[in-house]
């Protein structure tokens, strides 16, 4: 991973000499690795490093001044980086084996950073629009899943996992919304959807088998503008669902202990609900 500074120093020096030139650096160390880099446009930069065996990477850049960095250590990893537009930045860093990572950026000035320090895991980041940002981080044993899709402008998604068998699914449609999610433990699941502008969800799951949605079931749902959800689950086997439709609504749910269940539904504007649950 320390090659990054050398790469960018090199690309900047070359850029001064030929501002219209695309730059690609590929380094492979191991057996049966496959890399494909396609650059169409001007001043695009790509760094691709594969250390291990049976890794495969596909980088596609179309536009101007896009930057892609993919570095993998381990074996049997699969990465895809697609950038269409201008001044997008994508980084995927993998240190273990059997992972799958996808970055797709369409628009201008979008940012994605993925760091996978686990095995048998998946991370997906899809952006359509301008000025969006995704941060995804995975540590722990294995079998973690991260998914983010953002359509619009100036949205933020942060997803951080530690442990195993955890899953986070984030969908945002609109402008200026933010979803900040953390998981620490085993078999925690969370799925959220935001449609509108300037909506916010902050959620943290710590423990085992906590549930706030899954791959095919959204349980944190907001429609409208300037709505806010705060969810904290600490313990095991807690379940929470929140649905808000309207504007400037707020829902806060805190669960501490074992087997708590909460459902909050709000329709209209300027509503506020707070639910606190604990064993004692």
Protein backbone atom coordinates (compact mmCIF):
# COMPACT_ATOMS: atom_id res chain seq x y z
CA UNK A 1 0.00 0.00 0.00
CA UNK A 2 2.99 2.33 0.44
CA UNK A 3 3.41 2.45 -3.33
CA UNK A 4 0.59 5.00 -3.45
CA UNK A 5 2.74 8.04 -2.71
CA UNK A 6 5.28 7.03 -5.32
CA UNK A 7 2.54 6.53 -7.86
CA UNK A 8 0.95 9.92 -7.34
CA UNK A 9 4.33 11.66 -7.29
CA UNK A 10 5.10 10.01 -10.61
CA UNK A 11 1.74 10.87 -12.16
CA UNK A 12 1.94 14.50 -11.09
CA UNK A 13 5.40 14.93 -12.59
CA UNK A 14 4.30 13.34 -15.84
CA UNK A 15 1.13 15.43 -15.81
CA UNK A 16 3.15 18.63 -15.93
CA UNK A 17 4.93 17.38 -19.03
CA UNK A 18 1.84 16.19 -20.87
CA UNK A 19 -1.46 17.30 -19.41
CA UNK A 20 -3.51 15.43 -22.01
CA UNK A 21 -1.94 12.02 -21.41
CA UNK A 22 -3.65 9.12 -19.67
CA UNK A 23 -1.43 7.15 -17.27
CA UNK A 24 -1.69 3.50 -16.24
CA UNK A 25 0.63 1.54 -13.93
CA UNK A 26 0.07 -2.22 -13.51
CA UNK A 27 2.11 -4.46 -11.19
CA UNK A 28 1.34 -8.17 -10.76
CA UNK A 29 3.20 -10.58 -8.49
CA UNK A 30 2.03 -14.17 -8.37
CA UNK A 31 0.34 -16.68 -10.66
CA UNK A 32 -2.71 -16.60 -12.92
CA UNK A 33 -3.56 -12.95 -12.29
CA UNK A 34 -5.60 -11.01 -14.84
CA UNK A 35 -5.79 -7.25 -15.24
CA UNK A 36 -7.57 -5.06 -17.79
CA UNK A 37 -7.30 -1.26 -17.95
CA UNK A 38 -9.25 0.88 -20.44
CA UNK A 39 -8.83 4.66 -20.55
CA UNK A 40 -10.74 6.95 -22.90
CA UNK A 41 -10.35 10.70 -22.51
CA UNK A 42 -7.67 12.96 -21.06
CA UNK A 43 -5.54 13.06 -17.91
CA UNK A 44 -6.94 9.90 -16.37
CA UNK A 45 -4.70 7.98 -13.94
CA UNK A 46 -4.82 4.33 -12.89
CA UNK A 47 -2.71 2.30 -10.45
CA UNK A 48 -3.36 -1.45 -10.29
CA UNK A 49 -1.33 -3.75 -7.98
CA UNK A 50 -2.05 -7.46 -7.56
CA UNK A 51 0.04 -9.47 -5.10
CA UNK A 52 -0.97 -13.11 -4.87
CA UNK A 53 -2.57 -15.59 -7.24
CA UNK A 54 -5.78 -15.92 -9.23
CA UNK A 55 -6.75 -12.26 -8.79
CA UNK A 56 -8.72 -10.41 -11.47
CA UNK A 57 -9.23 -6.67 -11.92
CA UNK A 58 -11.02 -4.56 -14.52
CA UNK A 59 -10.55 -0.77 -14.59
CA UNK A 60 -12.46 1.43 -17.04
CA UNK A 61 -12.11 5.21 -17.16
CA UNK A 62 -13.99 7.45 -19.57
CA UNK A 63 -13.73 11.23 -19.25
CA UNK A 64 -11.14 13.57 -17.81
CA UNK A 65 -8.98 13.67 -14.69
CA UNK A 66 -10.37 10.53 -13.09
CA UNK A 67 -8.14 8.70 -10.59
CA UNK A 68 -8.33 4.98 -9.82
CA UNK A 69 -6.25 2.99 -7.33
CA UNK A 70 -6.72 -0.75 -6.80
CA UNK A 71 -4.29 -2.72 -4.61
CA UNK A 72 -4.79 -6.35 -3.61
CA UNK A 73 -2.83 -8.77 -1.44
CA UNK A 74 -4.12 -12.30 -1.09
CA UNK A 75 -5.63 -14.60 -3.66
CA UNK A 76 -8.81 -15.10 -5.63
CA UNK A 77 -9.98 -11.51 -5.31
CA UNK A 78 -12.17 -9.84 -7.94
CA UNK A 79 -12.40 -6.05 -8.39
CA UNK A 80 -14.18 -3.78 -10.86
CA UNK A 81 -13.67 -0.02 -11.13
CA UNK A 82 -15.81 1.98 -13.60
CA UNK A 83 -15.55 5.77 -13.88
CA UNK A 84 -17.60 7.78 -16.37
CA UNK A 85 -17.34 11.56 -16.10
CA UNK A 86 -14.74 13.94 -14.76
CA UNK A 87 -12.59 14.27 -11.64
CA UNK A 88 -13.89 11.12 -9.97
CA UNK A 89 -11.69 9.27 -7.46
CA UNK A 90 -11.92 5.59 -6.57
CA UNK A 91 -9.73 3.56 -4.19
CA UNK A 92 -10.03 -0.15 -3.40
CA UNK A 93 -7.55 -1.74 -0.95
CA UNK A 94 -7.77 -5.48 -0.16
CA UNK A 95 -5.43 -7.36 2.20
CA UNK A 96 -7.06 -10.83 2.39
CA UNK A 97 -8.42 -13.49 0.02
CA UNK A 98 -11.70 -14.36 -1.72
CA UNK A 99 -13.21 -10.87 -1.76
CA UNK A 100 -15.33 -9.08 -4.36
CA UNK A 101 -15.31 -5.28 -4.74
CA UNK A 102 -17.20 -3.08 -7.19
CA UNK A 103 -17.02 0.68 -7.71
CA UNK A 104 -19.17 2.42 -10.32
CA UNK A 105 -19.09 6.21 -10.67
CA UNK A 106 -21.09 8.17 -13.22
CA UNK A 107 -20.91 11.96 -12.98
CA UNK A 108 -18.35 14.42 -11.69
CA UNK A 109 -16.36 14.87 -8.47
CA UNK A 110 -17.48 11.65 -6.84
CA UNK A 111 -15.32 9.81 -4.27
CA UNK A 112 -15.22 6.16 -3.17
CA UNK A 113 -12.80 4.52 -0.76
CA UNK A 114 -13.01 0.81 0.08
CA UNK A 115 -10.74 -0.94 2.60
CA UNK A 116 -11.28 -4.69 3.02
CA UNK A 117 -9.25 -6.40 5.74
CA UNK A 118 -11.29 -9.59 5.81
CA UNK A 119 -11.99 -12.62 3.62
CA UNK A 120 -14.97 -13.98 1.67
CA UNK A 121 -16.61 -10.55 1.77
CA UNK A 122 -18.25 -8.12 -0.66
CA UNK A 123 -18.24 -4.33 -1.02
CA UNK A 124 -20.27 -2.46 -3.64
CA UNK A 125 -20.45 1.31 -4.22
CA UNK A 126 -22.58 2.82 -7.00
CA UNK A 127 -22.79 6.57 -7.60
CA UNK A 128 -24.83 8.49 -10.17
CA UNK A 129 -24.60 12.25 -9.89
CA UNK A 130 -22.08 14.78 -8.69
CA UNK A 131 -20.12 15.33 -5.50
CA UNK A 132 -21.16 12.11 -3.78
CA UNK A 133 -18.92 10.29 -1.29
CA UNK A 134 -18.77 6.67 -0.10
CA UNK A 135 -16.47 5.26 2.59
CA UNK A 136 -16.55 1.48 3.19
CA UNK A 137 -14.41 -0.43 5.67
CA UNK A 138 -14.38 -4.10 6.67
CA UNK A 139 -12.32 -5.90 9.32
CA UNK A 140 -12.84 -9.17 11.11
CA UNK A 141 -13.21 -12.81 10.18
CA UNK A 142 -15.26 -13.24 6.99
CA UNK A 143 -18.59 -13.11 5.14
CA UNK A 144 -19.34 -9.42 5.54
CA UNK A 145 -21.42 -7.48 2.98
CA UNK A 146 -21.53 -3.76 2.19
CA UNK A 147 -23.75 -2.17 -0.45
CA UNK A 148 -24.30 1.51 -1.23
CA UNK A 149 -26.21 3.11 -4.09
CA UNK A 150 -26.51 6.89 -4.37
CA UNK A 151 -28.40 8.74 -7.09
CA UNK A 152 -28.28 12.53 -6.86
CA UNK A 153 -25.77 15.10 -5.69
CA UNK A 154 -23.71 15.70 -2.54
CA UNK A 155 -24.77 12.54 -0.71
CA UNK A 156 -22.62 10.76 1.89
CA UNK A 157 -22.53 7.08 2.85
CA UNK A 158 -20.20 5.68 5.49
CA UNK A 159 -20.26 1.95 6.26
CA UNK A 160 -17.89 0.28 8.75
CA UNK A 161 -17.99 -3.38 9.80
CA UNK A 162 -16.01 -5.44 12.31
CA UNK A 163 -16.77 -9.11 12.88
CA UNK A 164 -18.39 -11.70 10.65
CA UNK A 165 -21.63 -12.37 8.76
CA UNK A 166 -22.68 -8.72 8.98
CA UNK A 167 -24.58 -6.87 6.24
CA UNK A 168 -25.38 -3.21 5.49
CA UNK A 169 -27.51 -2.02 2.56
CA UNK A 170 -27.84 1.71 1.82
CA UNK A 171 -29.97 3.34 -0.89
CA UNK A 172 -30.16 7.14 -1.26
CA UNK A 173 -32.12 9.02 -3.90
CA UNK A 174 -31.98 12.82 -3.79
CA UNK A 175 -29.51 15.47 -2.73
CA UNK A 176 -27.52 16.24 0.41
CA UNK A 177 -28.49 13.14 2.40
CA UNK A 178 -26.19 11.20 4.74
CA UNK A 179 -26.13 7.65 6.10
CA UNK A 180 -23.51 6.74 8.70
CA UNK A 181 -23.61 3.07 9.77
CA UNK A 182 -21.36 0.93 11.98
CA UNK A 183 -21.53 -2.75 12.93
CA UNK A 184 -19.42 -4.67 15.42
CA UNK A 185 -20.19 -8.29 16.16
CA UNK A 186 -21.75 -11.29 14.42
CA UNK A 187 -24.75 -11.64 12.13
CA UNK A 188 -26.02 -8.08 12.39
CA UNK A 189 -28.21 -6.82 9.53
CA UNK A 190 -29.35 -3.34 8.50
CA UNK A 191 -31.06 -1.95 5.41
CA UNK A 192 -32.02 1.68 4.81
CA UNK A 193 -33.62 3.79 2.12
CA UNK A 194 -33.82 7.58 1.85
CA UNK A 195 -35.72 9.43 -0.87
CA UNK A 196 -35.67 13.22 -0.78
CA UNK A 197 -33.21 15.89 0.23
CA UNK A 198 -31.08 16.50 3.33
CA UNK A 199 -32.18 13.37 5.14
CA UNK A 200 -29.93 11.71 7.74
CA UNK A 201 -29.62 8.25 9.27
CA UNK A 202 -27.09 7.41 12.00
CA UNK A 203 -27.12 3.78 13.13
CA UNK A 204 -24.83 1.58 15.23
CA UNK A 205 -25.17 -2.13 15.95
CA UNK A 206 -22.95 -3.73 18.58
CA UNK A 207 -23.41 -7.37 19.53
CA UNK A 208 -24.94 -10.33 17.74
CA UNK A 209 -28.03 -11.00 15.63
CA UNK A 210 -29.37 -7.46 15.77
CA UNK A 211 -31.80 -6.64 12.99
CA UNK A 212 -32.94 -3.50 11.20
CA UNK A 213 -33.59 -4.87 7.73
CA UNK A 214 -31.89 -7.10 5.19
CA UNK A 215 -31.14 -7.54 1.49
CA UNK A 216 -34.81 -7.72 0.52
CA UNK A 217 -36.41 -5.91 3.46
CA UNK A 218 -35.87 -2.20 4.17
CA UNK A 219 -36.70 -1.33 7.79
CA UNK A 220 -35.22 2.18 8.05
CA UNK A 221 -37.20 4.17 5.50
CA UNK A 222 -37.54 7.93 4.92
CA UNK A 223 -39.48 9.84 2.25
CA UNK A 224 -39.39 13.65 2.11
CA UNK A 225 -36.90 16.27 3.20
CA UNK A 226 -34.84 16.91 6.33
CA UNK A 227 -35.90 13.79 8.18
CA UNK A 228 -33.62 12.17 10.77
CA UNK A 229 -33.25 8.68 12.23
CA UNK A 230 -30.91 7.73 15.07
CA UNK A 231 -30.66 4.02 15.96
CA UNK A 232 -28.44 2.38 18.55
CA UNK A 233 -28.59 -1.36 19.19
CA UNK A 234 -26.31 -2.79 21.87
CA UNK A 235 -26.68 -6.41 22.85
CA UNK A 236 -28.19 -9.39 21.06
CA UNK A 237 -31.31 -10.14 19.01
CA UNK A 238 -32.74 -6.63 19.04
CA UNK A 239 -35.04 -5.55 16.21
CA UNK A 240 -36.02 -2.06 15.04
CA UNK A 241 -38.07 -0.56 12.20
CA UNK A 242 -38.66 3.13 11.40
CA UNK A 243 -40.82 4.63 8.65
CA UNK A 244 -41.12 8.38 8.11
CA UNK A 245 -42.98 10.20 5.33
CA UNK A 246 -43.10 13.99 5.28
CA UNK A 247 -40.67 16.66 6.35
CA UNK A 248 -38.47 17.48 9.34
CA UNK A 249 -39.43 14.36 11.28
CA UNK A 250 -37.13 12.75 13.84
CA UNK A 251 -37.08 9.21 15.24
CA UNK A 252 -34.68 8.03 17.94
CA UNK A 253 -34.49 4.40 19.06
CA UNK A 254 -32.04 3.10 21.67
CA UNK A 255 -31.99 -0.63 22.46
CA UNK A 256 -29.76 -2.16 25.12
CA UNK A 257 -29.85 -5.78 26.14
CA UNK A 258 -31.53 -8.87 24.71
CA UNK A 259 -34.55 -9.29 22.45
CA UNK A 260 -36.00 -5.78 22.34
CA UNK A 261 -38.44 -4.85 19.54
CA UNK A 262 -39.48 -1.39 18.34
CA UNK A 263 -41.56 0.03 15.47
CA UNK A 264 -41.88 3.79 14.80
CA UNK A 265 -44.10 5.21 12.04
CA UNK A 266 -44.56 8.94 11.41
CA UNK A 267 -46.57 10.70 8.69
CA UNK A 268 -46.61 14.46 8.19
CA UNK A 269 -44.22 17.15 9.34
CA UNK A 270 -42.19 18.08 12.40
CA UNK A 271 -43.00 14.92 14.32
CA UNK A 272 -40.62 13.53 16.96
CA UNK A 273 -40.50 10.10 18.58
CA UNK A 274 -38.03 8.69 21.09
CA UNK A 275 -38.00 5.04 22.22
CA UNK A 276 -35.52 3.73 24.80
CA UNK A 277 -35.42 0.03 25.67
CA UNK A 278 -33.23 -1.86 28.12
CA UNK A 279 -33.34 -5.04 30.22
CA UNK A 280 -33.42 -3.20 33.56
